[in-house]
């Protein structure tokens, strides 16, 4: 029976970063994946000459001392990243704001759309500049910024619901929560830290994590659709696979959250893309539901599509258990891309796969805190089994939590 220190079930991006970091700590690590290949696990789909990737291309975390930059350095991964400008657009009902790497250019956009609130916006950014200086000089101020929510801080500026929705849409896209629920430190990042674009999205990063895992002596086993946990005296001792039992001291189960949105892959003729439309757009239909903005990403690499064509990925952040109709979803994009239906080559929903295995009866999951609030990593009632909740659209949160978890795991 092969023996490992750590077994990770699921070779998604979060599973790979956990495996790569732990193998880098000299832990013998194996990844067990239900799909046939790494591309399948990372959400890469090839169809009719188009190549799609389910994950994002934009993220925080590559700035100096950012979690993704620190992980890359630790694993010896050289990232091909850039700071785009314009970064993206936020399309609200009746408004469209282009967000630039340069804050003054963004403020000019906001001046046009929210002329009565520009003085309060300017004061907010002036106050944030002072707070950034304080947090850089004082550990107490830095702790204060990490532990205090942004809601109380924002309340003193009296922003309208429409302007707060502008912040909420971005916050939910990058942090999976509304702006008022962010820590003050995260809100400062949202307002003042330039985003990075990762070449070829995070699929290239996933391949690099895979390479680092193998270099550190780790293994990956594919085509294992139904791994089962092996228990002895209420402790998981290994994983039963099609090739036999794998003994493991620690088991990490990779799982998707129940509220994960719907992804639509669209191949389309490039002439339908409106002039002035950014590569990434956050489209909101209703001010009262900022957490339901659709995230559109137009493929920039023409090698991913036949000549004269482009790829379009749309993430619809829909309420849990809401039934979806592909045609209705496409029609909802009409405000941003008129006549889209006439230029579509094909469109199909993508359903992420992840290597989760069923827990035994009576097993429960409890929150595990690893700093910075409740972690994406949770411990089960079996002390050596953890559940890693993947968030494909929020790599910064996943990587930060997994890094803290890997640093604390004995």
Protein backbone atom coordinates (compact mmCIF):
# COMPACT_ATOMS: atom_id res chain seq x y z
CA UNK A 1 0.00 0.00 0.00
CA UNK A 2 1.63 3.34 -1.07
CA UNK A 3 1.95 5.83 1.78
CA UNK A 4 1.70 9.61 1.54
CA UNK A 5 1.77 12.46 4.01
CA UNK A 6 -0.98 14.31 2.11
CA UNK A 7 -3.63 13.25 -0.41
CA UNK A 8 -5.56 15.98 -2.25
CA UNK A 9 -8.76 14.92 -4.02
CA UNK A 10 -9.28 17.26 -6.97
CA UNK A 11 -6.72 18.89 -9.27
CA UNK A 12 -8.49 22.23 -9.60
CA UNK A 13 -6.49 25.41 -9.08
CA UNK A 14 -7.01 25.42 -5.30
CA UNK A 15 -6.18 21.72 -5.00
CA UNK A 16 -2.98 22.21 -7.01
CA UNK A 17 -1.78 25.18 -4.96
CA UNK A 18 -2.35 23.21 -1.74
CA UNK A 19 -0.48 20.21 -3.14
CA UNK A 20 2.38 22.31 -4.53
CA UNK A 21 2.89 24.22 -1.27
CA UNK A 22 2.76 21.10 0.91
CA UNK A 23 5.10 19.13 -1.37
CA UNK A 24 7.45 22.10 -1.13
CA UNK A 25 7.50 21.50 2.65
CA UNK A 26 8.93 18.01 1.96
CA UNK A 27 5.58 16.30 2.48
CA UNK A 28 5.01 13.33 0.19
CA UNK A 29 1.91 14.41 -1.71
CA UNK A 30 -0.50 12.84 -4.19
CA UNK A 31 -3.37 14.48 -6.08
CA UNK A 32 -6.28 12.23 -7.09
CA UNK A 33 -8.36 13.65 -9.95
CA UNK A 34 -11.64 12.35 -11.35
CA UNK A 35 -11.06 13.80 -14.84
CA UNK A 36 -8.81 12.50 -17.61
CA UNK A 37 -6.35 15.41 -17.74
CA UNK A 38 -5.04 18.55 -16.09
CA UNK A 39 -6.82 20.74 -18.65
CA UNK A 40 -10.11 19.10 -17.78
CA UNK A 41 -9.53 19.69 -14.07
CA UNK A 42 -8.65 23.37 -14.63
CA UNK A 43 -11.78 24.05 -16.68
CA UNK A 44 -10.26 24.24 -20.16
CA UNK A 45 -12.71 23.40 -22.95
CA UNK A 46 -11.87 23.09 -26.67
CA UNK A 47 -14.67 23.09 -29.22
CA UNK A 48 -14.94 23.86 -32.94
CA UNK A 49 -11.56 25.58 -32.99
CA UNK A 50 -12.33 27.69 -29.88
CA UNK A 51 -10.47 27.31 -26.60
CA UNK A 52 -12.16 28.45 -23.39
CA UNK A 53 -10.99 28.74 -19.79
CA UNK A 54 -13.53 28.80 -16.96
CA UNK A 55 -11.42 30.88 -14.54
CA UNK A 56 -10.61 34.60 -14.44
CA UNK A 57 -7.72 36.52 -15.95
CA UNK A 58 -7.82 39.50 -13.57
CA UNK A 59 -6.83 39.34 -9.91
CA UNK A 60 -5.30 41.14 -7.00
CA UNK A 61 -2.45 39.45 -5.14
CA UNK A 62 0.47 39.91 -7.54
CA UNK A 63 1.48 43.25 -6.02
CA UNK A 64 4.62 43.25 -3.79
CA UNK A 65 3.98 41.08 -0.71
CA UNK A 66 0.67 39.91 -2.23
CA UNK A 67 -0.34 36.29 -1.59
CA UNK A 68 -0.08 35.19 -5.22
CA UNK A 69 3.29 36.86 -5.64
CA UNK A 70 4.62 35.21 -2.46
CA UNK A 71 3.38 31.78 -3.57
CA UNK A 72 4.96 32.24 -7.00
CA UNK A 73 8.27 33.21 -5.42
CA UNK A 74 8.17 30.31 -2.96
CA UNK A 75 7.53 27.78 -5.73
CA UNK A 76 9.96 29.33 -8.21
CA UNK A 77 7.21 30.24 -10.67
CA UNK A 78 7.79 33.16 -13.04
CA UNK A 79 4.47 34.80 -13.85
CA UNK A 80 3.69 36.61 -17.10
CA UNK A 81 1.49 39.39 -15.77
CA UNK A 82 0.67 42.96 -16.69
CA UNK A 83 -1.30 45.89 -15.29
CA UNK A 84 -4.07 46.59 -17.84
CA UNK A 85 -5.50 50.06 -18.36
CA UNK A 86 -8.36 50.34 -18.85
CA UNK A 87 -8.81 47.49 -16.40
CA UNK A 88 -12.52 46.74 -16.92
CA UNK A 89 -15.93 48.36 -17.16
CA UNK A 90 -18.85 48.36 -14.73
CA UNK A 91 -22.13 48.54 -16.66
CA UNK A 92 -24.90 49.63 -14.30
CA UNK A 93 -28.51 50.35 -15.36
CA UNK A 94 -28.22 53.61 -17.32
CA UNK A 95 -24.49 54.01 -16.63
CA UNK A 96 -21.17 52.59 -17.74
CA UNK A 97 -17.95 53.37 -15.86
CA UNK A 98 -14.52 52.44 -17.15
CA UNK A 99 -12.06 51.63 -14.36
CA UNK A 100 -8.44 52.53 -15.09
CA UNK A 101 -5.17 51.65 -13.37
CA UNK A 102 -4.76 55.40 -12.90
CA UNK A 103 -7.15 56.51 -10.17
CA UNK A 104 -7.56 60.05 -11.52
CA UNK A 105 -8.85 58.68 -14.83
CA UNK A 106 -11.42 56.57 -12.96
CA UNK A 107 -12.49 59.60 -10.95
CA UNK A 108 -13.12 61.48 -14.19
CA UNK A 109 -15.42 58.66 -15.26
CA UNK A 110 -17.23 58.86 -11.93
CA UNK A 111 -17.47 62.66 -12.22
CA UNK A 112 -19.40 62.21 -15.46
CA UNK A 113 -21.82 59.64 -14.00
CA UNK A 114 -22.09 60.91 -10.40
CA UNK A 115 -21.42 64.70 -10.62
CA UNK A 116 -23.17 65.47 -7.33
CA UNK A 117 -21.03 62.99 -5.40
CA UNK A 118 -17.60 63.68 -6.83
CA UNK A 119 -16.52 65.83 -3.86
CA UNK A 120 -17.36 63.01 -1.43
CA UNK A 121 -15.53 60.54 -3.67
CA UNK A 122 -12.45 62.75 -3.77
CA UNK A 123 -12.54 63.06 0.03
CA UNK A 124 -12.83 59.25 0.34
CA UNK A 125 -9.71 58.72 -1.74
CA UNK A 126 -7.83 61.46 0.12
CA UNK A 127 -8.72 59.80 3.44
CA UNK A 128 -7.70 56.38 2.10
CA UNK A 129 -4.31 57.79 1.07
CA UNK A 130 -3.72 58.96 4.63
CA UNK A 131 -4.85 55.60 6.02
CA UNK A 132 -2.49 53.74 3.66
CA UNK A 133 0.43 55.78 5.01
CA UNK A 134 -0.64 55.03 8.59
CA UNK A 135 -0.97 51.28 8.01
CA UNK A 136 2.46 51.18 6.36
CA UNK A 137 4.06 52.83 9.40
CA UNK A 138 2.08 51.28 12.27
CA UNK A 139 1.31 47.62 13.02
CA UNK A 140 -1.57 48.78 15.19
CA UNK A 141 -3.10 50.72 12.28
CA UNK A 142 -2.55 47.73 9.98
CA UNK A 143 -4.32 45.42 12.45
CA UNK A 144 -7.12 47.97 12.78
CA UNK A 145 -7.58 48.01 8.99
CA UNK A 146 -7.69 44.22 8.79
CA UNK A 147 -10.16 43.79 11.63
CA UNK A 148 -12.58 46.69 11.01
CA UNK A 149 -15.30 46.35 8.37
CA UNK A 150 -15.62 48.96 5.64
CA UNK A 151 -19.32 49.58 6.36
CA UNK A 152 -18.81 52.02 9.21
CA UNK A 153 -16.04 53.83 7.37
CA UNK A 154 -18.16 54.28 4.22
CA UNK A 155 -21.27 55.45 6.08
CA UNK A 156 -19.81 58.89 6.82
CA UNK A 157 -19.63 59.81 3.11
CA UNK A 158 -23.35 59.45 2.48
CA UNK A 159 -23.01 57.80 -0.92
CA UNK A 160 -26.17 57.09 -2.91
CA UNK A 161 -27.37 53.54 -3.44
CA UNK A 162 -26.32 53.77 -7.09
CA UNK A 163 -22.75 54.75 -6.23
CA UNK A 164 -22.52 52.10 -3.51
CA UNK A 165 -23.66 49.58 -6.11
CA UNK A 166 -20.64 50.56 -8.22
CA UNK A 167 -18.41 49.48 -5.30
CA UNK A 168 -20.56 46.44 -4.50
CA UNK A 169 -20.36 44.98 -8.02
CA UNK A 170 -16.57 45.14 -8.01
CA UNK A 171 -16.32 43.85 -4.45
CA UNK A 172 -18.53 40.87 -5.16
CA UNK A 173 -16.66 40.07 -8.37
CA UNK A 174 -13.21 40.03 -6.75
CA UNK A 175 -13.97 39.20 -3.10
CA UNK A 176 -17.33 37.38 -3.25
CA UNK A 177 -18.93 39.76 -0.78
CA UNK A 178 -20.42 43.27 -0.83
CA UNK A 179 -18.21 46.30 -0.18
CA UNK A 180 -19.56 47.05 3.30
CA UNK A 181 -18.66 43.54 4.45
CA UNK A 182 -15.06 43.82 3.32
CA UNK A 183 -12.35 44.54 5.84
CA UNK A 184 -11.11 48.09 5.57
CA UNK A 185 -7.79 46.71 4.30
CA UNK A 186 -9.54 44.86 1.47
CA UNK A 187 -11.60 47.93 0.58
CA UNK A 188 -8.40 49.97 0.34
CA UNK A 189 -7.04 47.31 -2.01
CA UNK A 190 -10.17 47.56 -4.14
CA UNK A 191 -9.80 51.33 -4.44
CA UNK A 192 -6.04 51.82 -4.67
CA UNK A 193 -4.22 48.64 -5.75
CA UNK A 194 -3.78 48.05 -9.50
CA UNK A 195 -5.14 44.75 -10.80
CA UNK A 196 -2.96 42.35 -12.75
CA UNK A 197 -3.90 40.41 -15.84
CA UNK A 198 -2.46 36.89 -15.99
CA UNK A 199 -1.42 35.77 -19.46
CA UNK A 200 -3.70 32.94 -20.67
CA UNK A 201 -5.64 33.29 -17.42
CA UNK A 202 -4.89 31.08 -14.46
CA UNK A 203 -4.74 27.95 -16.59
CA UNK A 204 -1.06 28.69 -17.22
CA UNK A 205 -0.61 29.22 -13.49
CA UNK A 206 -2.26 25.83 -12.90
CA UNK A 207 0.21 24.17 -15.26
CA UNK A 208 3.07 25.84 -13.39
CA UNK A 209 1.71 24.63 -10.05
CA UNK A 210 1.50 21.13 -11.52
CA UNK A 211 5.13 21.39 -12.62
CA UNK A 212 6.23 22.58 -9.17
CA UNK A 213 4.36 19.67 -7.55
CA UNK A 214 6.12 17.12 -9.77
CA UNK A 215 9.48 18.80 -9.24
CA UNK A 216 8.99 18.44 -5.48
CA UNK A 217 8.34 14.71 -5.85
CA UNK A 218 4.53 14.88 -5.85
CA UNK A 219 2.25 12.71 -7.97
CA UNK A 220 -1.03 13.16 -9.84
CA UNK A 221 -3.41 10.28 -10.60
CA UNK A 222 -6.19 10.82 -13.15
CA UNK A 223 -9.43 8.99 -14.04
CA UNK A 224 -10.48 8.31 -10.45
CA UNK A 225 -14.20 9.19 -10.54
CA UNK A 226 -15.30 7.75 -7.18
CA UNK A 227 -12.56 7.71 -4.53
CA UNK A 228 -13.76 6.61 -1.09
CA UNK A 229 -12.41 7.44 2.35
CA UNK A 230 -11.10 4.49 4.36
CA UNK A 231 -11.84 4.73 8.09
CA UNK A 232 -10.34 2.93 11.06
CA UNK A 233 -11.40 3.79 14.62
CA UNK A 234 -13.11 6.97 13.37
CA UNK A 235 -9.94 8.16 11.66
CA UNK A 236 -9.42 8.32 7.91
CA UNK A 237 -6.37 6.22 7.11
CA UNK A 238 -6.49 6.36 3.35
CA UNK A 239 -8.42 6.59 0.10
CA UNK A 240 -9.83 3.67 -1.85
CA UNK A 241 -9.24 4.16 -5.60
CA UNK A 242 -9.68 2.02 -8.71
CA UNK A 243 -6.00 1.10 -8.42
CA UNK A 244 -6.15 0.15 -4.75
CA UNK A 245 -5.95 1.89 -1.38
CA UNK A 246 -3.70 4.92 -0.95
CA UNK A 247 -2.63 5.51 2.66
CA UNK A 248 -2.52 9.17 3.69
CA UNK A 249 -1.84 11.02 6.92
CA UNK A 250 -3.85 14.09 5.85
CA UNK A 251 -6.67 14.24 3.31
CA UNK A 252 -7.88 17.42 1.57
CA UNK A 253 -11.22 17.26 -0.26
CA UNK A 254 -11.64 19.85 -3.01
CA UNK A 255 -15.26 21.05 -3.31
CA UNK A 256 -17.24 23.74 -5.10
CA UNK A 257 -19.55 25.99 -3.05
CA UNK A 258 -23.26 25.27 -3.41
CA UNK A 259 -23.92 28.79 -4.71
CA UNK A 260 -21.48 28.70 -7.61
CA UNK A 261 -22.84 30.57 -10.64
CA UNK A 262 -23.56 29.46 -14.20
CA UNK A 263 -20.84 29.82 -16.84
CA UNK A 264 -21.68 30.27 -20.51
CA UNK A 265 -19.06 29.69 -23.23
CA UNK A 266 -19.86 31.54 -26.46
CA UNK A 267 -18.05 31.45 -29.79
CA UNK A 268 -18.92 34.54 -31.81
CA UNK A 269 -17.90 36.61 -34.82
CA UNK A 270 -15.70 39.46 -33.66
CA UNK A 271 -17.51 42.22 -35.61
CA UNK A 272 -20.39 42.10 -33.11
CA UNK A 273 -18.14 43.34 -30.27
CA UNK A 274 -19.01 47.03 -29.74
CA UNK A 275 -16.30 49.66 -30.20
CA UNK A 276 -15.11 50.85 -26.79
CA UNK A 277 -16.14 47.70 -24.94
CA UNK A 278 -13.46 46.54 -22.50
CA UNK A 279 -12.08 43.02 -22.51
CA UNK A 280 -13.79 42.50 -19.14
CA UNK A 281 -17.19 43.96 -18.22
CA UNK A 282 -19.36 43.54 -15.12
CA UNK A 283 -22.99 43.85 -16.25
CA UNK A 284 -25.76 44.56 -13.72
CA UNK A 285 -29.46 44.50 -14.57
CA UNK A 286 -30.95 45.73 -11.27
CA UNK A 287 -29.54 48.10 -8.64
CA UNK A 288 -31.27 46.13 -5.89
CA UNK A 289 -29.26 42.96 -6.68
CA UNK A 290 -25.58 43.94 -7.00
CA UNK A 291 -24.44 40.40 -6.20
CA UNK A 292 -26.02 39.15 -9.45
CA UNK A 293 -23.79 41.03 -11.91
CA UNK A 294 -22.75 39.00 -14.95
CA UNK A 295 -18.99 38.94 -15.58
CA UNK A 296 -18.09 39.00 -19.28
CA UNK A 297 -14.58 38.22 -20.54
CA UNK A 298 -13.69 38.50 -24.21
CA UNK A 299 -10.72 36.40 -25.26
CA UNK A 300 -7.74 38.59 -26.14
CA UNK A 301 -5.63 35.79 -27.60
CA UNK A 302 -6.76 35.26 -31.19
CA UNK A 303 -5.07 31.85 -31.12
CA UNK A 304 -8.03 30.78 -28.96
CA UNK A 305 -10.51 31.24 -31.83
CA UNK A 306 -10.68 30.75 -35.62
CA UNK A 307 -9.87 33.75 -37.80
CA UNK A 308 -12.50 36.48 -37.50
CA UNK A 309 -13.92 34.90 -34.35
CA UNK A 310 -13.56 35.55 -30.60
CA UNK A 311 -14.33 33.68 -27.41
CA UNK A 312 -16.72 35.08 -24.83
CA UNK A 313 -17.05 33.69 -21.33
CA UNK A 314 -19.91 34.89 -19.14
CA UNK A 315 -20.29 34.08 -15.46
CA UNK A 316 -23.85 34.62 -14.27
CA UNK A 317 -24.01 35.06 -10.48
CA UNK A 318 -27.51 33.67 -10.00
CA UNK A 319 -29.43 32.89 -6.80
CA UNK A 320 -29.08 29.29 -5.52
CA UNK A 321 -31.34 26.71 -7.17
CA UNK A 322 -32.57 29.21 -9.77
CA UNK A 323 -33.46 27.48 -13.03
CA UNK A 324 -31.55 28.82 -16.04
CA UNK A 325 -32.49 29.02 -19.69
CA UNK A 326 -29.57 29.53 -22.07
CA UNK A 327 -31.53 31.71 -24.46
CA UNK A 328 -32.75 33.99 -21.67
CA UNK A 329 -29.20 34.35 -20.38
CA UNK A 330 -28.02 35.37 -23.86
CA UNK A 331 -30.87 37.86 -24.23
CA UNK A 332 -29.80 39.49 -20.95
CA UNK A 333 -26.53 40.44 -22.65
CA UNK A 334 -28.33 42.39 -25.36
CA UNK A 335 -28.01 45.71 -23.52
CA UNK A 336 -24.23 45.40 -23.75
CA UNK A 337 -23.84 43.59 -27.12
CA UNK A 338 -26.74 44.43 -29.47
CA UNK A 339 -27.67 41.80 -32.08
CA UNK A 340 -25.56 39.20 -30.27
CA UNK A 341 -27.87 36.36 -31.29
CA UNK A 342 -27.17 37.00 -34.98
CA UNK A 343 -23.40 36.57 -34.56
CA UNK A 344 -23.15 33.53 -32.28
CA UNK A 345 -21.45 30.43 -33.67
CA UNK A 346 -22.40 28.35 -30.64
CA UNK A 347 -23.17 28.77 -26.95
CA UNK A 348 -23.18 26.18 -24.22
CA UNK A 349 -23.19 26.07 -20.45
CA UNK A 350 -20.10 24.88 -18.63
CA UNK A 351 -20.50 22.96 -15.39
CA UNK A 352 -17.32 22.82 -13.32
CA UNK A 353 -16.12 19.43 -12.13
CA UNK A 354 -14.29 18.97 -8.87
CA UNK A 355 -12.92 15.87 -7.17
CA UNK A 356 -15.11 15.85 -4.08
CA UNK A 357 -15.76 12.51 -2.42
CA UNK A 358 -18.72 11.73 -0.19
CA UNK A 359 -18.14 11.98 3.55
CA UNK A 360 -19.17 9.11 5.76
CA UNK A 361 -22.47 9.26 7.66
CA UNK A 362 -22.19 11.30 10.83
CA UNK A 363 -19.22 13.34 9.60
CA UNK A 364 -19.67 17.06 10.04
CA UNK A 365 -17.71 20.10 8.89
CA UNK A 366 -16.58 22.88 11.21
CA UNK A 367 -15.12 26.26 10.39
CA UNK A 368 -11.35 26.56 10.55
CA UNK A 369 -9.83 29.98 11.11
CA UNK A 370 -6.38 30.57 9.69
CA UNK A 371 -6.21 34.34 10.06
CA UNK A 372 -8.08 37.01 8.15
CA UNK A 373 -11.51 35.67 9.04
CA UNK A 374 -13.26 32.40 8.34
CA UNK A 375 -11.18 30.29 5.99
CA UNK A 376 -12.11 28.63 2.73
CA UNK A 377 -10.49 25.57 4.30
CA UNK A 378 -12.66 23.70 6.84
CA UNK A 379 -11.86 20.85 9.19
CA UNK A 380 -14.18 17.85 9.44
CA UNK A 381 -14.97 15.79 12.52
CA UNK A 382 -12.13 13.53 11.33
CA UNK A 383 -9.21 15.66 12.49
CA UNK A 384 -7.00 14.67 9.57
CA UNK A 385 -9.59 15.44 6.86
CA UNK A 386 -10.16 18.97 5.52
CA UNK A 387 -12.57 20.39 2.95
CA UNK A 388 -11.22 23.04 0.60
CA UNK A 389 -14.07 25.07 -0.90
CA UNK A 390 -12.93 26.21 -4.31
CA UNK A 391 -13.94 29.65 -5.61
CA UNK A 392 -12.94 29.63 -9.29
CA UNK A 393 -13.63 33.35 -9.75
CA UNK A 394 -11.82 34.48 -6.60
CA UNK A 395 -8.23 33.15 -6.73
CA UNK A 396 -6.89 35.69 -4.22
CA UNK A 397 -9.14 34.43 -1.41
CA UNK A 398 -8.43 30.80 -2.25
CA UNK A 399 -4.67 31.20 -2.52
CA UNK A 400 -4.46 33.33 0.63
CA UNK A 401 -6.44 30.82 2.71
CA UNK A 402 -4.58 27.80 1.32
CA UNK A 403 -1.23 29.48 1.96
CA UNK A 404 -2.14 30.12 5.62
CA UNK A 405 -3.43 26.56 5.94
CA UNK A 406 -0.28 25.04 4.42
CA UNK A 407 1.91 27.14 6.71
CA UNK A 408 0.06 25.88 9.79
CA UNK A 409 -0.33 22.22 8.83
CA UNK A 410 2.07 20.01 10.80
